[in-house]
Amino acid sequence: MTEPVIADTKPVVMQLEPGTYYWCSCGQSQNQPFCDGSHKDTGFTPLKFEVAEARQVALCNCKQTQNAPFCDGAHAKL
């Protein structure tokens, strides 16, 4: 697998509490936008990221962002 699967053409906007999260980079997770281990044998690995304080985020689901795990609007060009 050389390109990630486009899980959706819009970001998921959600409130995250402080903690450690793992963003799905392969697009195959059934728990988008978070990793569920579906990347096994794909060559992709999840992206670990930290949230220091509760905040609203827009997480990329098209997997084309240049600011992973956050949406940068790349889905508008698909």
PDB file of N, CA and C in Angstrom:
ATOM      1  N   MET A   1       0.849  -1.165   0.000  1.00  0.00           N
ATOM      2  CA  MET A   1       0.000   0.000   0.000  1.00  0.00           C
ATOM      3  C   MET A   1       0.905   1.241   0.000  1.00  0.00           C
ATOM      4  N   THR A   2       0.777   2.070  -1.038  1.00  0.00           N
ATOM      5  CA  THR A   2       1.636   3.249  -1.122  1.00  0.00           C
ATOM      6  C   THR A   2       0.894   4.546  -0.829  1.00  0.00           C
ATOM      7  N   GLU A   3      -0.403   4.554  -1.010  1.00  0.00           N
ATOM      8  CA  GLU A   3      -1.219   5.735  -0.739  1.00  0.00           C
ATOM      9  C   GLU A   3      -2.271   5.394   0.307  1.00  0.00           C
ATOM     10  N   PRO A   4      -2.574   6.332   1.204  1.00  0.00           N
ATOM     11  CA  PRO A   4      -3.614   6.060   2.203  1.00  0.00           C
ATOM     12  C   PRO A   4      -5.004   6.046   1.569  1.00  0.00           C
ATOM     13  N   VAL A   5      -5.902   5.343   2.193  1.00  0.00           N
ATOM     14  CA  VAL A   5      -7.303   5.326   1.795  1.00  0.00           C
ATOM     15  C   VAL A   5      -7.943   6.629   2.276  1.00  0.00           C
ATOM     16  N   ILE A   6      -8.736   7.258   1.421  1.00  0.00           N
ATOM     17  CA  ILE A   6      -9.459   8.462   1.829  1.00  0.00           C
ATOM     18  C   ILE A   6     -10.667   7.998   2.632  1.00  0.00           C
ATOM     19  N   ALA A   7     -10.627   8.210   3.930  1.00  0.00           N
ATOM     20  CA  ALA A   7     -11.701   7.748   4.817  1.00  0.00           C
ATOM     21  C   ALA A   7     -12.951   8.597   4.657  1.00  0.00           C
ATOM     22  N   ASP A   8     -12.769   9.890   4.380  1.00  0.00           N
ATOM     23  CA  ASP A   8     -13.888  10.811   4.183  1.00  0.00           C
ATOM     24  C   ASP A   8     -13.331  12.062   3.528  1.00  0.00           C
ATOM     25  N   THR A   9     -14.191  12.831   2.885  1.00  0.00           N
ATOM     26  CA  THR A   9     -13.743  14.049   2.214  1.00  0.00           C
ATOM     27  C   THR A   9     -14.041  15.301   3.029  1.00  0.00           C
ATOM     28  N   LYS A  10     -14.228  15.092   4.310  1.00  0.00           N
ATOM     29  CA  LYS A  10     -14.368  16.223   5.227  1.00  0.00           C
ATOM     30  C   LYS A  10     -13.744  15.827   6.567  1.00  0.00           C
ATOM     31  N   PRO A  11     -13.260  16.813   7.309  1.00  0.00           N
ATOM     32  CA  PRO A  11     -12.646  16.497   8.600  1.00  0.00           C
ATOM     33  C   PRO A  11     -13.702  16.134   9.640  1.00  0.00           C
ATOM     34  N   VAL A  12     -13.255  15.540  10.709  1.00  0.00           N
ATOM     35  CA  VAL A  12     -14.124  15.297  11.852  1.00  0.00           C
ATOM     36  C   VAL A  12     -13.789  16.360  12.894  1.00  0.00           C
ATOM     37  N   VAL A  13     -14.804  17.103  13.291  1.00  0.00           N
ATOM     38  CA  VAL A  13     -14.632  18.156  14.293  1.00  0.00           C
ATOM     39  C   VAL A  13     -15.125  17.592  15.623  1.00  0.00           C
ATOM     40  N   MET A  14     -14.268  17.661  16.628  1.00  0.00           N
ATOM     41  CA  MET A  14     -14.618  17.075  17.920  1.00  0.00           C
ATOM     42  C   MET A  14     -13.899  17.782  19.054  1.00  0.00           C
ATOM     43  N   GLN A  15     -14.427  17.594  20.229  1.00  0.00           N
ATOM     44  CA  GLN A  15     -13.814  18.097  21.452  1.00  0.00           C
ATOM     45  C   GLN A  15     -12.923  16.993  22.005  1.00  0.00           C
ATOM     46  N   LEU A  16     -11.655  17.297  22.220  1.00  0.00           N
ATOM     47  CA  LEU A  16     -10.738  16.316  22.813  1.00  0.00           C
ATOM     48  C   LEU A  16     -10.329  16.779  24.198  1.00  0.00           C
ATOM     49  N   GLU A  17     -10.258  15.833  25.085  1.00  0.00           N
ATOM     50  CA  GLU A  17      -9.779  16.070  26.445  1.00  0.00           C
ATOM     51  C   GLU A  17      -8.264  15.883  26.459  1.00  0.00           C
ATOM     52  N   PRO A  18      -7.588  16.409  27.465  1.00  0.00           N
ATOM     53  CA  PRO A  18      -6.140  16.215  27.550  1.00  0.00           C
ATOM     54  C   PRO A  18      -5.780  14.726  27.514  1.00  0.00           C
ATOM     55  N   GLY A  19      -4.736  14.417  26.775  1.00  0.00           N
ATOM     56  CA  GLY A  19      -4.302  13.030  26.698  1.00  0.00           C
ATOM     57  C   GLY A  19      -3.495  12.750  25.453  1.00  0.00           C
ATOM     58  N   THR A  20      -3.197  11.478  25.259  1.00  0.00           N
ATOM     59  CA  THR A  20      -2.436  10.992  24.112  1.00  0.00           C
ATOM     60  C   THR A  20      -3.395  10.297  23.162  1.00  0.00           C
ATOM     61  N   TYR A  21      -3.266  10.605  21.882  1.00  0.00           N
ATOM     62  CA  TYR A  21      -4.136  10.038  20.853  1.00  0.00           C
ATOM     63  C   TYR A  21      -3.280   9.501  19.717  1.00  0.00           C
ATOM     64  N   TYR A  22      -3.844   8.576  18.954  1.00  0.00           N
ATOM     65  CA  TYR A  22      -3.166   7.992  17.802  1.00  0.00           C
ATOM     66  C   TYR A  22      -4.066   8.160  16.580  1.00  0.00           C
ATOM     67  N   TRP A  23      -3.636   9.036  15.664  1.00  0.00           N
ATOM     68  CA  TRP A  23      -4.388   9.346  14.450  1.00  0.00           C
ATOM     69  C   TRP A  23      -4.089   8.300  13.381  1.00  0.00           C
ATOM     70  N   CYS A  24      -5.116   7.803  12.742  1.00  0.00           N
ATOM     71  CA  CYS A  24      -4.974   6.829  11.659  1.00  0.00           C
ATOM     72  C   CYS A  24      -4.382   7.511  10.435  1.00  0.00           C
ATOM     73  N   SER A  25      -3.253   7.032   9.948  1.00  0.00           N
ATOM     74  CA  SER A  25      -2.627   7.597   8.755  1.00  0.00           C
ATOM     75  C   SER A  25      -2.893   6.770   7.502  1.00  0.00           C
ATOM     76  N   CYS A  26      -3.372   5.528   7.670  1.00  0.00           N
ATOM     77  CA  CYS A  26      -3.595   4.659   6.512  1.00  0.00           C
ATOM     78  C   CYS A  26      -4.996   4.803   5.922  1.00  0.00           C
ATOM     79  N   GLY A  27      -5.942   5.274   6.725  1.00  0.00           N
ATOM     80  CA  GLY A  27      -7.314   5.447   6.258  1.00  0.00           C
ATOM     81  C   GLY A  27      -8.186   4.207   6.369  1.00  0.00           C
ATOM     82  N   GLN A  28      -7.646   3.112   6.888  1.00  0.00           N
ATOM     83  CA  GLN A  28      -8.404   1.862   6.946  1.00  0.00           C
ATOM     84  C   GLN A  28      -9.092   1.599   8.286  1.00  0.00           C
ATOM     85  N   SER A  29      -8.805   2.399   9.286  1.00  0.00           N
ATOM     86  CA  SER A  29      -9.390   2.192  10.608  1.00  0.00           C
ATOM     87  C   SER A  29     -10.913   2.293  10.562  1.00  0.00           C
ATOM     88  N   GLN A  30     -11.573   1.442  11.297  1.00  0.00           N
ATOM     89  CA  GLN A  30     -13.027   1.513  11.446  1.00  0.00           C
ATOM     90  C   GLN A  30     -13.398   2.490  12.562  1.00  0.00           C
ATOM     91  N   ASN A  31     -12.402   3.075  13.207  1.00  0.00           N
ATOM     92  CA  ASN A  31     -12.594   4.006  14.308  1.00  0.00           C
ATOM     93  C   ASN A  31     -12.048   5.394  13.932  1.00  0.00           C
ATOM     94  N   GLN A  32     -12.281   5.820  12.692  1.00  0.00           N
ATOM     95  CA  GLN A  32     -11.759   7.103  12.210  1.00  0.00           C
ATOM     96  C   GLN A  32     -12.156   8.240  13.127  1.00  0.00           C
ATOM     97  N   PRO A  33     -11.275   9.163  13.350  1.00  0.00           N
ATOM     98  CA  PRO A  33      -9.955   9.357  12.756  1.00  0.00           C
ATOM     99  C   PRO A  33      -8.830   8.698  13.548  1.00  0.00           C
ATOM    100  N   PHE A  34      -9.195   7.831  14.474  1.00  0.00           N
ATOM    101  CA  PHE A  34      -8.200   7.213  15.346  1.00  0.00           C
ATOM    102  C   PHE A  34      -7.823   5.818  14.865  1.00  0.00           C
ATOM    103  N   CYS A  35      -6.636   5.388  15.220  1.00  0.00           N
ATOM    104  CA  CYS A  35      -6.102   4.085  14.824  1.00  0.00           C
ATOM    105  C   CYS A  35      -6.808   2.947  15.555  1.00  0.00           C
ATOM    106  N   ASP A  36      -7.079   1.878  14.819  1.00  0.00           N
ATOM    107  CA  ASP A  36      -7.596   0.657  15.435  1.00  0.00           C
ATOM    108  C   ASP A  36      -6.713  -0.555  15.116  1.00  0.00           C
ATOM    109  N   GLY A  37      -5.526  -0.292  14.555  1.00  0.00           N
ATOM    110  CA  GLY A  37      -4.598  -1.372  14.228  1.00  0.00           C
ATOM    111  C   GLY A  37      -4.736  -1.897  12.815  1.00  0.00           C
ATOM    112  N   SER A  38      -5.625  -1.339  12.018  1.00  0.00           N
ATOM    113  CA  SER A  38      -5.848  -1.814  10.650  1.00  0.00           C
ATOM    114  C   SER A  38      -4.657  -1.587   9.728  1.00  0.00           C
ATOM    115  N   HIS A  39      -3.694  -0.781  10.152  1.00  0.00           N
ATOM    116  CA  HIS A  39      -2.524  -0.490   9.337  1.00  0.00           C
ATOM    117  C   HIS A  39      -1.539  -1.659   9.252  1.00  0.00           C
ATOM    118  N   LYS A  40      -1.759  -2.703  10.005  1.00  0.00           N
ATOM    119  CA  LYS A  40      -0.823  -3.825  10.034  1.00  0.00           C
ATOM    120  C   LYS A  40      -0.528  -4.301   8.609  1.00  0.00           C
ATOM    121  N   ASP A  41       0.736  -4.406   8.287  1.00  0.00           N
ATOM    122  CA  ASP A  41       1.229  -4.862   6.980  1.00  0.00           C
ATOM    123  C   ASP A  41       0.946  -3.887   5.839  1.00  0.00           C
ATOM    124  N   THR A  42       0.681  -2.611   6.145  1.00  0.00           N
ATOM    125  CA  THR A  42       0.433  -1.628   5.086  1.00  0.00           C
ATOM    126  C   THR A  42       1.638  -0.732   4.835  1.00  0.00           C
ATOM    127  N   GLY A  43       2.573  -0.685   5.781  1.00  0.00           N
ATOM    128  CA  GLY A  43       3.687   0.239   5.679  1.00  0.00           C
ATOM    129  C   GLY A  43       3.384   1.577   6.339  1.00  0.00           C
ATOM    130  N   PHE A  44       2.156   1.764   6.806  1.00  0.00           N
ATOM    131  CA  PHE A  44       1.762   2.986   7.500  1.00  0.00           C
ATOM    132  C   PHE A  44       1.815   2.754   9.003  1.00  0.00           C
ATOM    133  N   THR A  45       2.035   3.833   9.739  1.00  0.00           N
ATOM    134  CA  THR A  45       1.983   3.767  11.194  1.00  0.00           C
ATOM    135  C   THR A  45       1.123   4.924  11.692  1.00  0.00           C
ATOM    136  N   PRO A  46       0.458   4.750  12.822  1.00  0.00           N
ATOM    137  CA  PRO A  46      -0.363   5.839  13.351  1.00  0.00           C
ATOM    138  C   PRO A  46       0.514   6.987  13.836  1.00  0.00           C
ATOM    139  N   LEU A  47      -0.065   8.171  13.867  1.00  0.00           N
ATOM    140  CA  LEU A  47       0.635   9.351  14.356  1.00  0.00           C
ATOM    141  C   LEU A  47       0.194   9.630  15.785  1.00  0.00           C
ATOM    142  N   LYS A  48       1.141   9.545  16.704  1.00  0.00           N
ATOM    143  CA  LYS A  48       0.870   9.855  18.106  1.00  0.00           C
ATOM    144  C   LYS A  48       0.861  11.369  18.273  1.00  0.00           C
ATOM    145  N   PHE A  49      -0.176  11.888  18.946  1.00  0.00           N
ATOM    146  CA  PHE A  49      -0.191  13.314  19.244  1.00  0.00           C
ATOM    147  C   PHE A  49      -0.789  13.547  20.614  1.00  0.00           C
ATOM    148  N   GLU A  50      -0.379  14.660  21.201  1.00  0.00           N
ATOM    149  CA  GLU A  50      -0.780  15.015  22.564  1.00  0.00           C
ATOM    150  C   GLU A  50      -1.710  16.224  22.532  1.00  0.00           C
ATOM    151  N   VAL A  51      -2.686  16.207  23.414  1.00  0.00           N
ATOM    152  CA  VAL A  51      -3.550  17.361  23.639  1.00  0.00           C
ATOM    153  C   VAL A  51      -3.302  17.783  25.087  1.00  0.00           C
ATOM    154  N   ALA A  52      -2.827  19.004  25.266  1.00  0.00           N
ATOM    155  CA  ALA A  52      -2.445  19.489  26.595  1.00  0.00           C
ATOM    156  C   ALA A  52      -3.635  19.995  27.400  1.00  0.00           C
ATOM    157  N   GLU A  53      -4.611  20.571  26.711  1.00  0.00           N
ATOM    158  CA  GLU A  53      -5.808  21.069  27.399  1.00  0.00           C
ATOM    159  C   GLU A  53      -7.018  20.798  26.522  1.00  0.00           C
ATOM    160  N   ALA A  54      -8.165  20.661  27.130  1.00  0.00           N
ATOM    161  CA  ALA A  54      -9.390  20.373  26.380  1.00  0.00           C
ATOM    162  C   ALA A  54      -9.577  21.442  25.306  1.00  0.00           C
ATOM    163  N   ARG A  55      -9.864  20.984  24.080  1.00  0.00           N
ATOM    164  CA  ARG A  55     -10.089  21.921  22.980  1.00  0.00           C
ATOM    165  C   ARG A  55     -10.796  21.243  21.824  1.00  0.00           C
ATOM    166  N   GLN A  56     -11.401  22.065  20.991  1.00  0.00           N
ATOM    167  CA  GLN A  56     -12.054  21.562  19.790  1.00  0.00           C
ATOM    168  C   GLN A  56     -11.015  21.482  18.677  1.00  0.00           C
ATOM    169  N   VAL A  57     -11.033  20.387  17.928  1.00  0.00           N
ATOM    170  CA  VAL A  57     -10.080  20.179  16.838  1.00  0.00           C
ATOM    171  C   VAL A  57     -10.816  19.701  15.597  1.00  0.00           C
ATOM    172  N   ALA A  58     -10.201  19.900  14.456  1.00  0.00           N
ATOM    173  CA  ALA A  58     -10.675  19.343  13.187  1.00  0.00           C
ATOM    174  C   ALA A  58      -9.595  18.380  12.718  1.00  0.00           C
ATOM    175  N   LEU A  59      -9.881  17.090  12.811  1.00  0.00           N
ATOM    176  CA  LEU A  59      -8.906  16.064  12.450  1.00  0.00           C
ATOM    177  C   LEU A  59      -9.141  15.603  11.012  1.00  0.00           C
ATOM    178  N   CYS A  60      -8.057  15.463  10.275  1.00  0.00           N
ATOM    179  CA  CYS A  60      -8.109  15.099   8.865  1.00  0.00           C
ATOM    180  C   CYS A  60      -8.622  13.673   8.681  1.00  0.00           C
ATOM    181  N   ASN A  61      -9.557  13.518   7.755  1.00  0.00           N
ATOM    182  CA  ASN A  61     -10.049  12.193   7.378  1.00  0.00           C
ATOM    183  C   ASN A  61      -9.689  11.831   5.946  1.00  0.00           C
ATOM    184  N   CYS A  62      -9.207  12.824   5.156  1.00  0.00           N
ATOM    185  CA  CYS A  62      -8.845  12.513   3.765  1.00  0.00           C
ATOM    186  C   CYS A  62      -7.411  11.982   3.681  1.00  0.00           C
ATOM    187  N   LYS A  63      -6.653  12.168   4.740  1.00  0.00           N
ATOM    188  CA  LYS A  63      -5.271  11.680   4.866  1.00  0.00           C
ATOM    189  C   LYS A  63      -4.308  12.379   3.915  1.00  0.00           C
ATOM    190  N   GLN A  64      -4.693  13.549   3.398  1.00  0.00           N
ATOM    191  CA  GLN A  64      -3.847  14.311   2.483  1.00  0.00           C
ATOM    192  C   GLN A  64      -3.255  15.565   3.125  1.00  0.00           C
ATOM    193  N   THR A  65      -3.583  15.834   4.375  1.00  0.00           N
ATOM    194  CA  THR A  65      -3.118  17.040   5.058  1.00  0.00           C
ATOM    195  C   THR A  65      -1.596  17.113   5.142  1.00  0.00           C
ATOM    196  N   GLN A  66      -1.094  18.321   5.129  1.00  0.00           N
ATOM    197  CA  GLN A  66       0.330  18.556   5.358  1.00  0.00           C
ATOM    198  C   GLN A  66       0.578  18.969   6.805  1.00  0.00           C
ATOM    199  N   ASN A  67      -0.492  18.928   7.621  1.00  0.00           N
ATOM    200  CA  ASN A  67      -0.422  19.337   9.024  1.00  0.00           C
ATOM    201  C   ASN A  67      -1.018  18.250   9.924  1.00  0.00           C
ATOM    202  N   ALA A  68      -0.689  17.002   9.641  1.00  0.00           N
ATOM    203  CA  ALA A  68      -1.275  15.867  10.358  1.00  0.00           C
ATOM    204  C   ALA A  68      -1.071  16.000  11.860  1.00  0.00           C
ATOM    205  N   PRO A  69      -2.080  15.676  12.631  1.00  0.00           N
ATOM    206  CA  PRO A  69      -3.347  15.053  12.273  1.00  0.00           C
ATOM    207  C   PRO A  69      -4.459  16.054  11.948  1.00  0.00           C
ATOM    208  N   PHE A  70      -4.116  17.325  11.896  1.00  0.00           N
ATOM    209  CA  PHE A  70      -5.137  18.357  11.761  1.00  0.00           C
ATOM    210  C   PHE A  70      -5.454  18.666  10.302  1.00  0.00           C
ATOM    211  N   CYS A  71      -6.694  18.997  10.054  1.00  0.00           N
ATOM    212  CA  CYS A  71      -7.143  19.341   8.717  1.00  0.00           C
ATOM    213  C   CYS A  71      -6.494  20.635   8.261  1.00  0.00           C
ATOM    214  N   ASP A  72      -6.026  20.663   7.012  1.00  0.00           N
ATOM    215  CA  ASP A  72      -5.477  21.891   6.429  1.00  0.00           C
ATOM    216  C   ASP A  72      -6.248  22.299   5.173  1.00  0.00           C
ATOM    217  N   GLY A  73      -7.392  21.657   4.945  1.00  0.00           N
ATOM    218  CA  GLY A  73      -8.219  21.984   3.789  1.00  0.00           C
ATOM    219  C   GLY A  73      -7.889  21.192   2.540  1.00  0.00           C
ATOM    220  N   ALA A  74      -6.966  20.254   2.614  1.00  0.00           N
ATOM    221  CA  ALA A  74      -6.560  19.473   1.446  1.00  0.00           C
ATOM    222  C   ALA A  74      -7.726  18.720   0.812  1.00  0.00           C
ATOM    223  N   HIS A  75      -8.750  18.386   1.597  1.00  0.00           N
ATOM    224  CA  HIS A  75      -9.908  17.654   1.074  1.00  0.00           C
ATOM    225  C   HIS A  75     -10.659  18.450   0.009  1.00  0.00           C
ATOM    226  N   ALA A  76     -10.510  19.764   0.012  1.00  0.00           N
ATOM    227  CA  ALA A  76     -11.203  20.614  -0.974  1.00  0.00           C
ATOM    228  C   ALA A  76     -10.628  20.429  -2.373  1.00  0.00           C
ATOM    229  N   LYS A  77      -9.428  19.861  -2.468  1.00  0.00           N
ATOM    230  CA  LYS A  77      -8.778  19.653  -3.761  1.00  0.00           C
ATOM    231  C   LYS A  77      -8.963  18.248  -4.297  1.00  0.00           C
ATOM    232  N   LEU A  78      -9.704  17.418  -3.592  1.00  0.00           N
ATOM    233  CA  LEU A  78      -9.919  16.022  -4.043  1.00  0.00           C
ATOM    234  C   LEU A  78     -11.032  15.935  -5.054  1.00  0.00           C
TER     235      LEU A  78
END
